[in-house]
Amino acid sequence: MESSIRQRIKDVLSFHNSNTNQLAGDDANFQNRLSRQINHTSTISCDTISRVLSAYPEVSAEWLLRGKGEMILSDNLPPILGDDFED
């Protein structure tokens, strides 16, 4: 399960054209922990999950933690052409 969460965090970063350095910002300690966690040398922490969800609020927590549903919450999807047109 943890390897799946690792992969989903990588998917989030890739989707947002981001990386661990950008997610960590100026927090060098977090950047080091995040790199270790992503590269399988440390356990994924609650702090890491919380930071990912805070940095990318459109990401579904259910998807990140359990792999259920879509990565992006439906509220944040662009409208489908024609949805806002009246007959």
N, C-alpha and C. Protein backbone atom coordinates (compact mmCIF):
# COMPACT_ATOMS: atom_id res chain seq x y z
N MET A 1 0.82 -1.20 0.00
CA MET A 1 0.00 0.00 0.00
C MET A 1 0.86 1.26 0.00
N GLU A 2 1.92 1.25 0.80
CA GLU A 2 2.77 2.44 0.88
C GLU A 2 3.43 2.74 -0.46
N SER A 3 3.80 1.69 -1.20
CA SER A 3 4.40 1.94 -2.51
C SER A 3 3.39 2.56 -3.47
N SER A 4 2.13 2.23 -3.29
CA SER A 4 1.08 2.84 -4.11
C SER A 4 0.93 4.32 -3.79
N ILE A 5 1.02 4.68 -2.51
CA ILE A 5 0.93 6.09 -2.13
C ILE A 5 2.13 6.83 -2.68
N ARG A 6 3.30 6.22 -2.60
CA ARG A 6 4.50 6.84 -3.18
C ARG A 6 4.28 7.15 -4.66
N GLN A 7 3.75 6.18 -5.38
CA GLN A 7 3.53 6.37 -6.81
C GLN A 7 2.50 7.45 -7.06
N ARG A 8 1.46 7.51 -6.23
CA ARG A 8 0.44 8.54 -6.43
C ARG A 8 1.00 9.93 -6.12
N ILE A 9 1.89 10.04 -5.13
CA ILE A 9 2.54 11.34 -4.88
C ILE A 9 3.38 11.73 -6.09
N LYS A 10 4.09 10.78 -6.66
CA LYS A 10 4.86 11.06 -7.88
C LYS A 10 3.93 11.49 -9.00
N ASP A 11 2.77 10.85 -9.12
CA ASP A 11 1.80 11.20 -10.15
C ASP A 11 1.29 12.64 -9.96
N VAL A 12 1.04 13.02 -8.70
CA VAL A 12 0.58 14.39 -8.42
C VAL A 12 1.65 15.39 -8.84
N LEU A 13 2.89 15.13 -8.46
CA LEU A 13 3.98 16.04 -8.82
C LEU A 13 4.12 16.14 -10.33
N SER A 14 4.04 15.01 -11.01
CA SER A 14 4.15 15.00 -12.46
C SER A 14 2.99 15.76 -13.10
N PHE A 15 1.78 15.52 -12.63
CA PHE A 15 0.59 16.19 -13.15
C PHE A 15 0.74 17.70 -13.06
N HIS A 16 1.35 18.18 -11.98
CA HIS A 16 1.51 19.61 -11.75
C HIS A 16 2.86 20.14 -12.24
N ASN A 17 3.56 19.32 -13.01
CA ASN A 17 4.90 19.71 -13.50
C ASN A 17 5.76 20.23 -12.36
N SER A 18 5.74 19.50 -11.26
CA SER A 18 6.44 19.90 -10.05
C SER A 18 7.44 18.83 -9.65
N ASN A 19 8.15 19.08 -8.56
CA ASN A 19 9.09 18.10 -8.03
C ASN A 19 9.18 18.27 -6.52
N THR A 20 9.97 17.43 -5.88
CA THR A 20 10.07 17.48 -4.43
C THR A 20 10.63 18.81 -3.93
N ASN A 21 11.55 19.40 -4.68
CA ASN A 21 12.11 20.69 -4.26
C ASN A 21 11.04 21.77 -4.25
N GLN A 22 10.21 21.80 -5.27
CA GLN A 22 9.15 22.81 -5.33
C GLN A 22 8.11 22.58 -4.23
N LEU A 23 7.77 21.33 -3.98
CA LEU A 23 6.79 21.02 -2.94
C LEU A 23 7.32 21.44 -1.57
N ALA A 24 8.59 21.21 -1.32
CA ALA A 24 9.19 21.53 -0.02
C ALA A 24 9.44 23.02 0.15
N GLY A 25 9.55 23.76 -0.95
CA GLY A 25 9.82 25.19 -0.86
C GLY A 25 11.17 25.44 -0.22
N ASP A 26 11.21 26.33 0.76
CA ASP A 26 12.47 26.68 1.43
C ASP A 26 12.80 25.75 2.59
N ASP A 27 11.99 24.75 2.83
CA ASP A 27 12.20 23.84 3.96
C ASP A 27 13.13 22.69 3.55
N ALA A 28 14.43 22.88 3.75
CA ALA A 28 15.43 21.88 3.35
C ALA A 28 15.26 20.57 4.10
N ASN A 29 14.87 20.64 5.36
CA ASN A 29 14.67 19.41 6.13
C ASN A 29 13.53 18.58 5.54
N PHE A 30 12.42 19.26 5.20
CA PHE A 30 11.30 18.55 4.61
C PHE A 30 11.68 18.00 3.23
N GLN A 31 12.45 18.75 2.47
CA GLN A 31 12.87 18.29 1.15
C GLN A 31 13.68 17.00 1.27
N ASN A 32 14.57 16.92 2.24
CA ASN A 32 15.36 15.71 2.46
C ASN A 32 14.48 14.55 2.88
N ARG A 33 13.55 14.79 3.82
CA ARG A 33 12.63 13.73 4.26
C ARG A 33 11.77 13.25 3.11
N LEU A 34 11.24 14.21 2.33
CA LEU A 34 10.38 13.87 1.20
C LEU A 34 11.14 13.02 0.18
N SER A 35 12.36 13.40 -0.12
CA SER A 35 13.16 12.62 -1.07
C SER A 35 13.37 11.20 -0.56
N ARG A 36 13.68 11.05 0.72
CA ARG A 36 13.86 9.71 1.29
C ARG A 36 12.56 8.91 1.23
N GLN A 37 11.45 9.58 1.52
CA GLN A 37 10.16 8.89 1.51
C GLN A 37 9.78 8.46 0.09
N ILE A 38 9.99 9.32 -0.87
CA ILE A 38 9.64 9.01 -2.26
C ILE A 38 10.54 7.92 -2.81
N ASN A 39 11.79 7.89 -2.37
CA ASN A 39 12.76 6.92 -2.89
C ASN A 39 12.84 5.65 -2.06
N HIS A 40 11.81 5.36 -1.27
CA HIS A 40 11.67 4.08 -0.55
C HIS A 40 12.63 3.87 0.61
N THR A 41 13.30 4.88 1.08
CA THR A 41 14.20 4.65 2.20
C THR A 41 13.58 5.04 3.53
N SER A 42 12.42 5.67 3.49
CA SER A 42 11.69 6.05 4.71
C SER A 42 10.20 5.83 4.49
N THR A 43 9.49 5.69 5.59
CA THR A 43 8.04 5.52 5.55
C THR A 43 7.38 6.86 5.22
N ILE A 44 6.32 6.81 4.42
CA ILE A 44 5.55 8.01 4.10
C ILE A 44 4.91 8.50 5.40
N SER A 45 5.11 9.77 5.72
CA SER A 45 4.58 10.32 6.97
C SER A 45 3.25 11.03 6.73
N CYS A 46 2.50 11.20 7.81
CA CYS A 46 1.25 11.98 7.74
C CYS A 46 1.55 13.42 7.34
N ASP A 47 2.68 13.95 7.79
CA ASP A 47 3.06 15.31 7.44
C ASP A 47 3.23 15.45 5.92
N THR A 48 3.84 14.45 5.31
CA THR A 48 4.02 14.49 3.85
C THR A 48 2.68 14.46 3.14
N ILE A 49 1.81 13.58 3.54
CA ILE A 49 0.48 13.50 2.93
C ILE A 49 -0.27 14.81 3.11
N SER A 50 -0.19 15.36 4.31
CA SER A 50 -0.86 16.62 4.60
C SER A 50 -0.31 17.75 3.73
N ARG A 51 1.00 17.80 3.56
CA ARG A 51 1.60 18.86 2.74
C ARG A 51 1.21 18.72 1.27
N VAL A 52 1.15 17.50 0.78
CA VAL A 52 0.74 17.29 -0.61
C VAL A 52 -0.69 17.79 -0.79
N LEU A 53 -1.57 17.41 0.12
CA LEU A 53 -2.97 17.81 0.01
C LEU A 53 -3.16 19.31 0.21
N SER A 54 -2.33 19.94 1.04
CA SER A 54 -2.40 21.39 1.24
C SER A 54 -1.87 22.14 0.02
N ALA A 55 -0.80 21.62 -0.56
CA ALA A 55 -0.20 22.27 -1.72
C ALA A 55 -1.08 22.14 -2.95
N TYR A 56 -1.81 21.03 -3.04
CA TYR A 56 -2.66 20.75 -4.20
C TYR A 56 -4.06 20.41 -3.71
N PRO A 57 -4.84 21.42 -3.29
CA PRO A 57 -6.16 21.16 -2.70
C PRO A 57 -7.16 20.51 -3.65
N GLU A 58 -6.87 20.55 -4.95
CA GLU A 58 -7.77 19.92 -5.91
C GLU A 58 -7.57 18.40 -5.98
N VAL A 59 -6.52 17.90 -5.33
CA VAL A 59 -6.24 16.46 -5.33
C VAL A 59 -7.14 15.79 -4.30
N SER A 60 -7.74 14.71 -4.69
CA SER A 60 -8.63 13.94 -3.82
C SER A 60 -7.82 13.17 -2.77
N ALA A 61 -8.16 13.40 -1.50
CA ALA A 61 -7.50 12.66 -0.42
C ALA A 61 -7.82 11.17 -0.53
N GLU A 62 -9.04 10.86 -0.91
CA GLU A 62 -9.44 9.45 -1.08
C GLU A 62 -8.57 8.77 -2.13
N TRP A 63 -8.33 9.46 -3.22
CA TRP A 63 -7.47 8.91 -4.27
C TRP A 63 -6.03 8.77 -3.79
N LEU A 64 -5.52 9.81 -3.14
CA LEU A 64 -4.12 9.78 -2.69
C LEU A 64 -3.89 8.65 -1.69
N LEU A 65 -4.79 8.50 -0.75
CA LEU A 65 -4.60 7.50 0.31
C LEU A 65 -5.01 6.09 -0.09
N ARG A 66 -6.11 5.97 -0.83
CA ARG A 66 -6.66 4.65 -1.10
C ARG A 66 -6.68 4.26 -2.57
N GLY A 67 -6.42 5.23 -3.45
CA GLY A 67 -6.46 4.93 -4.87
C GLY A 67 -7.87 4.82 -5.42
N LYS A 68 -8.85 5.34 -4.69
CA LYS A 68 -10.25 5.28 -5.11
C LYS A 68 -10.67 6.58 -5.77
N GLY A 69 -11.35 6.47 -6.89
CA GLY A 69 -11.85 7.65 -7.58
C GLY A 69 -10.79 8.27 -8.48
N GLU A 70 -11.00 9.54 -8.77
CA GLU A 70 -10.11 10.28 -9.66
C GLU A 70 -9.11 11.11 -8.86
N MET A 71 -7.98 11.42 -9.47
CA MET A 71 -6.96 12.23 -8.80
C MET A 71 -7.50 13.62 -8.48
N ILE A 72 -8.15 14.25 -9.44
CA ILE A 72 -8.64 15.61 -9.28
C ILE A 72 -10.11 15.59 -8.89
N LEU A 73 -10.45 16.32 -7.84
CA LEU A 73 -11.84 16.40 -7.41
C LEU A 73 -12.69 16.98 -8.52
N SER A 74 -13.87 16.46 -8.71
CA SER A 74 -14.72 16.87 -9.83
C SER A 74 -15.07 18.36 -9.78
N ASP A 75 -15.08 18.97 -8.60
CA ASP A 75 -15.37 20.41 -8.47
C ASP A 75 -14.31 21.24 -9.20
N ASN A 76 -13.14 20.67 -9.40
CA ASN A 76 -12.03 21.42 -9.97
C ASN A 76 -11.77 21.10 -11.44
N LEU A 77 -12.62 20.27 -12.03
CA LEU A 77 -12.46 19.95 -13.45
C LEU A 77 -13.03 21.09 -14.29
N PRO A 78 -12.42 21.36 -15.45
CA PRO A 78 -12.98 22.41 -16.31
C PRO A 78 -14.34 21.98 -16.83
N PRO A 79 -15.25 22.92 -17.07
CA PRO A 79 -16.57 22.56 -17.57
C PRO A 79 -16.48 21.96 -18.96
N ILE A 80 -17.37 21.04 -19.24
CA ILE A 80 -17.45 20.43 -20.56
C ILE A 80 -18.19 21.41 -21.48
N LEU A 81 -17.70 21.58 -22.69
CA LEU A 81 -18.31 22.50 -23.63
C LEU A 81 -19.80 22.23 -23.74
N GLY A 82 -20.57 23.23 -23.56
CA GLY A 82 -22.03 23.08 -23.65
C GLY A 82 -22.70 23.00 -22.29
N ASP A 83 -21.96 22.75 -21.21
CA ASP A 83 -22.56 22.64 -19.91
C ASP A 83 -23.21 23.94 -19.43
N ASP A 84 -22.64 25.07 -19.84
CA ASP A 84 -23.16 26.32 -19.34
C ASP A 84 -24.04 27.04 -20.37
N PHE A 85 -24.45 26.33 -21.39
CA PHE A 85 -25.34 26.90 -22.40
C PHE A 85 -26.77 26.44 -22.12
N GLU A 86 -27.71 27.35 -22.27
CA GLU A 86 -29.11 26.99 -22.09
C GLU A 86 -29.75 26.73 -23.45
N ASP A 87 -30.75 25.88 -23.46
CA ASP A 87 -31.46 25.58 -24.71
C ASP A 87 -32.42 26.67 -25.07
